[in-house]
């Protein structure tokens, strides 16, 4: 759901909703949504023997495979295929980059 629609539904301005959400959750709503989508995709990747990346992207709420790849690289530091190859029964990959102090750039520091 778009942030503007949520703001209207709860009776806040768009800007105020972002301020409150960021203060309470630690990241802006849009980034939170991207992280949730990425975590859904990671969960699927960890439990299937073969991945159809385009289908996974659509099933997890991405508009296309390129957006899925972008989030995988940004949040994990790996392409989806590389991350899939790295997984095994002993290691569960669940790394998400955290925002820097200003909250504008993402680092790849675990």
N, C-alpha and C. Protein backbone atom coordinates (compact mmCIF):
# COMPACT_ATOMS: atom_id res chain seq x y z
N UNK A 1 0.85 -1.18 0.00
CA UNK A 1 0.00 0.00 0.00
C UNK A 1 0.90 1.24 0.00
N UNK A 2 0.63 2.21 -0.84
CA UNK A 2 1.44 3.42 -0.88
C UNK A 2 1.41 4.17 0.46
N UNK A 3 2.51 4.81 0.78
CA UNK A 3 2.63 5.55 2.03
C UNK A 3 1.56 6.64 2.12
N UNK A 4 1.28 7.32 1.03
CA UNK A 4 0.27 8.38 1.03
C UNK A 4 -1.10 7.82 1.41
N UNK A 5 -1.44 6.62 0.94
CA UNK A 5 -2.72 6.01 1.26
C UNK A 5 -2.78 5.64 2.74
N UNK A 6 -1.69 5.15 3.28
CA UNK A 6 -1.63 4.82 4.71
C UNK A 6 -1.78 6.09 5.54
N UNK A 7 -1.07 7.15 5.14
CA UNK A 7 -1.15 8.42 5.86
C UNK A 7 -2.59 8.93 5.90
N UNK A 8 -3.25 8.86 4.76
CA UNK A 8 -4.64 9.33 4.70
C UNK A 8 -5.54 8.47 5.59
N UNK A 9 -5.31 7.18 5.55
CA UNK A 9 -6.14 6.25 6.34
C UNK A 9 -6.00 6.49 7.85
N UNK A 10 -4.78 6.84 8.31
CA UNK A 10 -4.58 7.05 9.75
C UNK A 10 -4.69 8.52 10.15
N UNK A 11 -4.96 9.39 9.18
CA UNK A 11 -5.20 10.79 9.49
C UNK A 11 -3.96 11.62 9.74
N UNK A 12 -2.85 11.25 9.11
CA UNK A 12 -1.61 12.02 9.22
C UNK A 12 -1.19 12.53 7.86
N UNK A 13 -0.37 13.57 7.86
CA UNK A 13 0.21 14.00 6.59
C UNK A 13 1.25 12.96 6.17
N UNK A 14 1.53 12.94 4.91
CA UNK A 14 2.54 12.02 4.36
C UNK A 14 3.87 12.19 5.09
N UNK A 15 4.29 13.43 5.24
CA UNK A 15 5.57 13.72 5.90
C UNK A 15 5.56 13.28 7.37
N UNK A 16 4.47 13.56 8.06
CA UNK A 16 4.41 13.21 9.50
C UNK A 16 4.41 11.69 9.69
N UNK A 17 3.71 10.96 8.84
CA UNK A 17 3.73 9.51 8.93
C UNK A 17 5.15 8.98 8.76
N UNK A 18 5.87 9.51 7.79
CA UNK A 18 7.26 9.07 7.58
C UNK A 18 8.11 9.39 8.80
N UNK A 19 7.94 10.58 9.38
CA UNK A 19 8.70 10.95 10.58
C UNK A 19 8.42 9.99 11.74
N UNK A 20 7.16 9.74 12.01
CA UNK A 20 6.79 8.87 13.13
C UNK A 20 7.25 7.44 12.87
N UNK A 21 7.00 6.95 11.70
CA UNK A 21 7.38 5.57 11.35
C UNK A 21 8.89 5.38 11.48
N UNK A 22 9.66 6.31 10.94
CA UNK A 22 11.11 6.22 10.99
C UNK A 22 11.61 6.28 12.43
N UNK A 23 11.02 7.14 13.24
CA UNK A 23 11.43 7.24 14.64
C UNK A 23 11.12 5.96 15.40
N UNK A 24 10.00 5.33 15.12
CA UNK A 24 9.59 4.13 15.84
C UNK A 24 10.23 2.85 15.33
N UNK A 25 10.39 2.75 14.01
CA UNK A 25 10.88 1.51 13.39
C UNK A 25 12.37 1.57 13.09
N UNK A 26 12.87 2.75 12.78
CA UNK A 26 14.30 2.91 12.52
C UNK A 26 14.64 3.09 11.05
N UNK A 27 13.68 2.86 10.18
CA UNK A 27 13.87 3.09 8.75
C UNK A 27 12.57 3.66 8.20
N UNK A 28 12.64 4.39 7.09
CA UNK A 28 11.42 4.93 6.49
C UNK A 28 10.50 3.82 5.98
N UNK A 29 9.20 4.10 5.85
CA UNK A 29 8.25 3.07 5.44
C UNK A 29 8.58 2.40 4.11
N UNK A 30 9.03 3.17 3.13
CA UNK A 30 9.33 2.59 1.82
C UNK A 30 10.48 1.58 1.92
N UNK A 31 11.52 1.93 2.67
CA UNK A 31 12.64 1.01 2.85
C UNK A 31 12.19 -0.21 3.65
N UNK A 32 11.33 -0.01 4.64
CA UNK A 32 10.79 -1.12 5.41
C UNK A 32 10.05 -2.10 4.50
N UNK A 33 9.25 -1.57 3.59
CA UNK A 33 8.53 -2.42 2.64
C UNK A 33 9.47 -3.20 1.75
N UNK A 34 10.52 -2.54 1.28
CA UNK A 34 11.53 -3.23 0.46
C UNK A 34 12.20 -4.34 1.26
N UNK A 35 12.52 -4.07 2.52
CA UNK A 35 13.15 -5.09 3.36
C UNK A 35 12.22 -6.28 3.59
N UNK A 36 10.93 -6.01 3.80
CA UNK A 36 9.97 -7.09 3.97
C UNK A 36 9.87 -7.96 2.72
N UNK A 37 9.82 -7.31 1.57
CA UNK A 37 9.76 -8.03 0.30
C UNK A 37 11.00 -8.89 0.11
N UNK A 38 12.17 -8.31 0.40
CA UNK A 38 13.45 -9.03 0.30
C UNK A 38 13.45 -10.23 1.24
N UNK A 39 12.98 -10.06 2.47
CA UNK A 39 12.97 -11.17 3.43
C UNK A 39 12.03 -12.28 2.97
N UNK A 40 10.90 -11.94 2.34
CA UNK A 40 10.02 -12.97 1.78
C UNK A 40 10.75 -13.75 0.71
N UNK A 41 11.45 -13.06 -0.17
CA UNK A 41 12.20 -13.72 -1.24
C UNK A 41 13.31 -14.60 -0.65
N UNK A 42 14.02 -14.10 0.35
CA UNK A 42 15.09 -14.89 0.99
C UNK A 42 14.52 -16.15 1.61
N UNK A 43 13.38 -16.06 2.21
CA UNK A 43 12.76 -17.22 2.84
C UNK A 43 12.46 -18.30 1.80
N UNK A 44 11.94 -17.90 0.67
CA UNK A 44 11.65 -18.86 -0.40
C UNK A 44 12.94 -19.47 -0.91
N UNK A 45 13.94 -18.64 -1.18
CA UNK A 45 15.21 -19.12 -1.73
C UNK A 45 15.85 -20.16 -0.81
N UNK A 46 15.70 -19.99 0.48
CA UNK A 46 16.32 -20.92 1.43
C UNK A 46 15.63 -22.26 1.49
N UNK A 47 14.43 -22.39 0.93
CA UNK A 47 13.66 -23.62 1.09
C UNK A 47 13.32 -24.34 -0.21
N UNK A 48 13.87 -23.91 -1.32
CA UNK A 48 13.57 -24.58 -2.58
C UNK A 48 14.86 -25.04 -3.25
N UNK A 49 14.81 -26.17 -3.95
CA UNK A 49 16.01 -26.68 -4.60
C UNK A 49 16.38 -25.92 -5.88
N UNK A 50 15.38 -25.37 -6.56
CA UNK A 50 15.59 -24.64 -7.81
C UNK A 50 14.75 -23.37 -7.75
N UNK A 51 15.34 -22.27 -8.22
CA UNK A 51 14.63 -20.99 -8.17
C UNK A 51 14.37 -20.47 -9.57
N UNK A 52 13.12 -20.13 -9.86
CA UNK A 52 12.77 -19.38 -11.06
C UNK A 52 12.72 -17.92 -10.65
N UNK A 53 13.76 -17.16 -10.97
CA UNK A 53 13.92 -15.80 -10.44
C UNK A 53 12.80 -14.86 -10.85
N UNK A 54 12.37 -14.92 -12.10
CA UNK A 54 11.30 -14.02 -12.55
C UNK A 54 9.99 -14.34 -11.81
N UNK A 55 9.67 -15.62 -11.67
CA UNK A 55 8.46 -16.02 -10.95
C UNK A 55 8.55 -15.64 -9.48
N UNK A 56 9.73 -15.86 -8.88
CA UNK A 56 9.94 -15.48 -7.48
C UNK A 56 9.71 -13.98 -7.30
N UNK A 57 10.26 -13.19 -8.21
CA UNK A 57 10.10 -11.73 -8.13
C UNK A 57 8.62 -11.35 -8.10
N UNK A 58 7.86 -11.89 -9.01
CA UNK A 58 6.43 -11.55 -9.07
C UNK A 58 5.67 -12.06 -7.85
N UNK A 59 5.99 -13.27 -7.40
CA UNK A 59 5.31 -13.85 -6.24
C UNK A 59 5.61 -13.10 -4.94
N UNK A 60 6.75 -12.43 -4.88
CA UNK A 60 7.14 -11.71 -3.66
C UNK A 60 6.80 -10.22 -3.73
N UNK A 61 6.14 -9.79 -4.80
CA UNK A 61 5.69 -8.41 -4.88
C UNK A 61 6.57 -7.46 -5.65
N UNK A 62 7.60 -7.98 -6.32
CA UNK A 62 8.44 -7.13 -7.17
C UNK A 62 7.73 -6.95 -8.51
N UNK A 63 7.95 -5.79 -9.14
CA UNK A 63 7.31 -5.58 -10.44
C UNK A 63 8.06 -6.33 -11.55
N UNK A 64 9.33 -6.64 -11.32
CA UNK A 64 10.08 -7.44 -12.28
C UNK A 64 11.36 -7.98 -11.64
N UNK A 65 12.05 -8.83 -12.38
CA UNK A 65 13.24 -9.50 -11.87
C UNK A 65 14.38 -8.52 -11.58
N UNK A 66 14.49 -7.45 -12.35
CA UNK A 66 15.59 -6.50 -12.14
C UNK A 66 15.48 -5.81 -10.77
N UNK A 67 14.26 -5.56 -10.29
CA UNK A 67 14.09 -4.97 -8.96
C UNK A 67 14.48 -5.97 -7.87
N UNK A 68 14.18 -7.23 -8.08
CA UNK A 68 14.60 -8.28 -7.15
C UNK A 68 16.12 -8.33 -7.08
N UNK A 69 16.77 -8.30 -8.22
CA UNK A 69 18.24 -8.35 -8.27
C UNK A 69 18.83 -7.13 -7.58
N UNK A 70 18.26 -5.97 -7.82
CA UNK A 70 18.74 -4.73 -7.18
C UNK A 70 18.69 -4.85 -5.67
N UNK A 71 17.57 -5.33 -5.13
CA UNK A 71 17.44 -5.46 -3.68
C UNK A 71 18.38 -6.52 -3.13
N UNK A 72 18.53 -7.63 -3.81
CA UNK A 72 19.47 -8.65 -3.34
C UNK A 72 20.87 -8.07 -3.25
N UNK A 73 21.30 -7.36 -4.27
CA UNK A 73 22.65 -6.78 -4.26
C UNK A 73 22.78 -5.72 -3.17
N UNK A 74 21.78 -4.87 -3.03
CA UNK A 74 21.85 -3.79 -2.05
C UNK A 74 21.81 -4.31 -0.62
N UNK A 75 20.94 -5.28 -0.34
CA UNK A 75 20.75 -5.73 1.03
C UNK A 75 21.68 -6.86 1.45
N UNK A 76 22.18 -7.64 0.51
CA UNK A 76 23.04 -8.75 0.89
C UNK A 76 24.47 -8.60 0.38
N UNK A 77 24.66 -7.80 -0.65
CA UNK A 77 25.98 -7.68 -1.26
C UNK A 77 26.22 -8.73 -2.34
N UNK A 78 25.25 -9.58 -2.60
CA UNK A 78 25.37 -10.64 -3.59
C UNK A 78 24.24 -10.56 -4.60
N UNK A 79 24.49 -11.10 -5.79
CA UNK A 79 23.39 -11.29 -6.74
C UNK A 79 22.55 -12.45 -6.22
N UNK A 80 21.30 -12.56 -6.64
CA UNK A 80 20.48 -13.68 -6.18
C UNK A 80 21.11 -15.04 -6.48
N UNK A 81 21.65 -15.19 -7.68
CA UNK A 81 22.25 -16.48 -8.06
C UNK A 81 23.47 -16.80 -7.20
N UNK A 82 24.31 -15.79 -6.92
CA UNK A 82 25.48 -16.03 -6.06
C UNK A 82 25.04 -16.40 -4.65
N UNK A 83 24.06 -15.72 -4.13
CA UNK A 83 23.57 -16.01 -2.79
C UNK A 83 22.96 -17.41 -2.72
N UNK A 84 22.25 -17.78 -3.77
CA UNK A 84 21.65 -19.12 -3.84
C UNK A 84 22.74 -20.19 -3.83
N UNK A 85 23.83 -19.96 -4.56
CA UNK A 85 24.94 -20.92 -4.59
C UNK A 85 25.64 -21.01 -3.24
N UNK A 86 25.67 -19.93 -2.47
CA UNK A 86 26.37 -19.92 -1.18
C UNK A 86 25.62 -20.65 -0.07
N UNK A 87 24.34 -20.76 -0.22
CA UNK A 87 23.56 -21.35 0.86
C UNK A 87 23.85 -22.86 0.97
N UNK A 88 23.73 -23.38 2.17
CA UNK A 88 23.78 -24.81 2.42
C UNK A 88 23.07 -25.10 3.72
N UNK A 89 23.03 -26.34 4.13
CA UNK A 89 22.27 -26.70 5.33
C UNK A 89 22.85 -26.11 6.60
N UNK A 90 24.16 -25.85 6.63
CA UNK A 90 24.78 -25.34 7.85
C UNK A 90 24.69 -23.83 7.98
N UNK A 91 24.63 -23.12 6.88
CA UNK A 91 24.66 -21.66 6.92
C UNK A 91 23.35 -21.12 6.36
N UNK A 92 22.64 -20.38 7.15
CA UNK A 92 21.44 -19.70 6.68
C UNK A 92 21.81 -18.24 6.45
N UNK A 93 21.74 -17.82 5.22
CA UNK A 93 22.10 -16.45 4.87
C UNK A 93 20.93 -15.55 5.20
N UNK A 94 21.14 -14.59 6.08
CA UNK A 94 20.08 -13.67 6.47
C UNK A 94 20.70 -12.33 6.81
N UNK A 95 21.43 -11.78 5.88
CA UNK A 95 22.13 -10.50 6.08
C UNK A 95 21.33 -9.41 5.41
N UNK A 96 21.10 -8.36 6.12
CA UNK A 96 20.47 -7.17 5.55
C UNK A 96 21.31 -5.98 5.97
N UNK A 97 21.72 -5.17 4.99
CA UNK A 97 22.51 -3.98 5.28
C UNK A 97 21.68 -3.00 6.09
N UNK A 98 22.33 -2.26 6.94
CA UNK A 98 21.65 -1.28 7.78
C UNK A 98 21.90 0.13 7.27
N UNK A 99 20.96 1.04 7.50
CA UNK A 99 21.18 2.42 7.07
C UNK A 99 22.28 3.06 7.90
N UNK A 100 23.00 4.00 7.26
CA UNK A 100 24.02 4.73 8.01
C UNK A 100 23.34 5.70 8.97
N UNK A 101 24.11 6.47 9.70
CA UNK A 101 23.54 7.35 10.73
C UNK A 101 22.54 8.36 10.21
N UNK A 102 22.75 8.83 8.98
CA UNK A 102 21.81 9.78 8.41
C UNK A 102 20.59 9.08 7.84
N UNK A 103 20.67 7.76 7.67
CA UNK A 103 19.53 7.01 7.14
C UNK A 103 19.35 7.15 5.65
N UNK A 104 20.34 7.73 4.96
CA UNK A 104 20.16 7.94 3.52
C UNK A 104 20.89 6.91 2.68
N UNK A 105 22.00 6.41 3.15
CA UNK A 105 22.76 5.43 2.38
C UNK A 105 22.79 4.11 3.13
N UNK A 106 22.91 3.05 2.37
CA UNK A 106 22.99 1.74 2.99
C UNK A 106 24.42 1.25 2.92
N UNK A 107 24.86 0.61 3.99
CA UNK A 107 26.19 0.01 4.00
C UNK A 107 26.04 -1.48 3.85
N UNK A 108 27.11 -2.17 3.55
CA UNK A 108 27.09 -3.62 3.46
C UNK A 108 27.71 -4.25 4.67
N UNK A 109 27.75 -3.52 5.77
CA UNK A 109 28.32 -4.04 7.00
C UNK A 109 27.28 -4.88 7.72
N UNK A 110 27.61 -6.16 8.01
CA UNK A 110 26.62 -7.00 8.70
C UNK A 110 26.37 -6.53 10.11
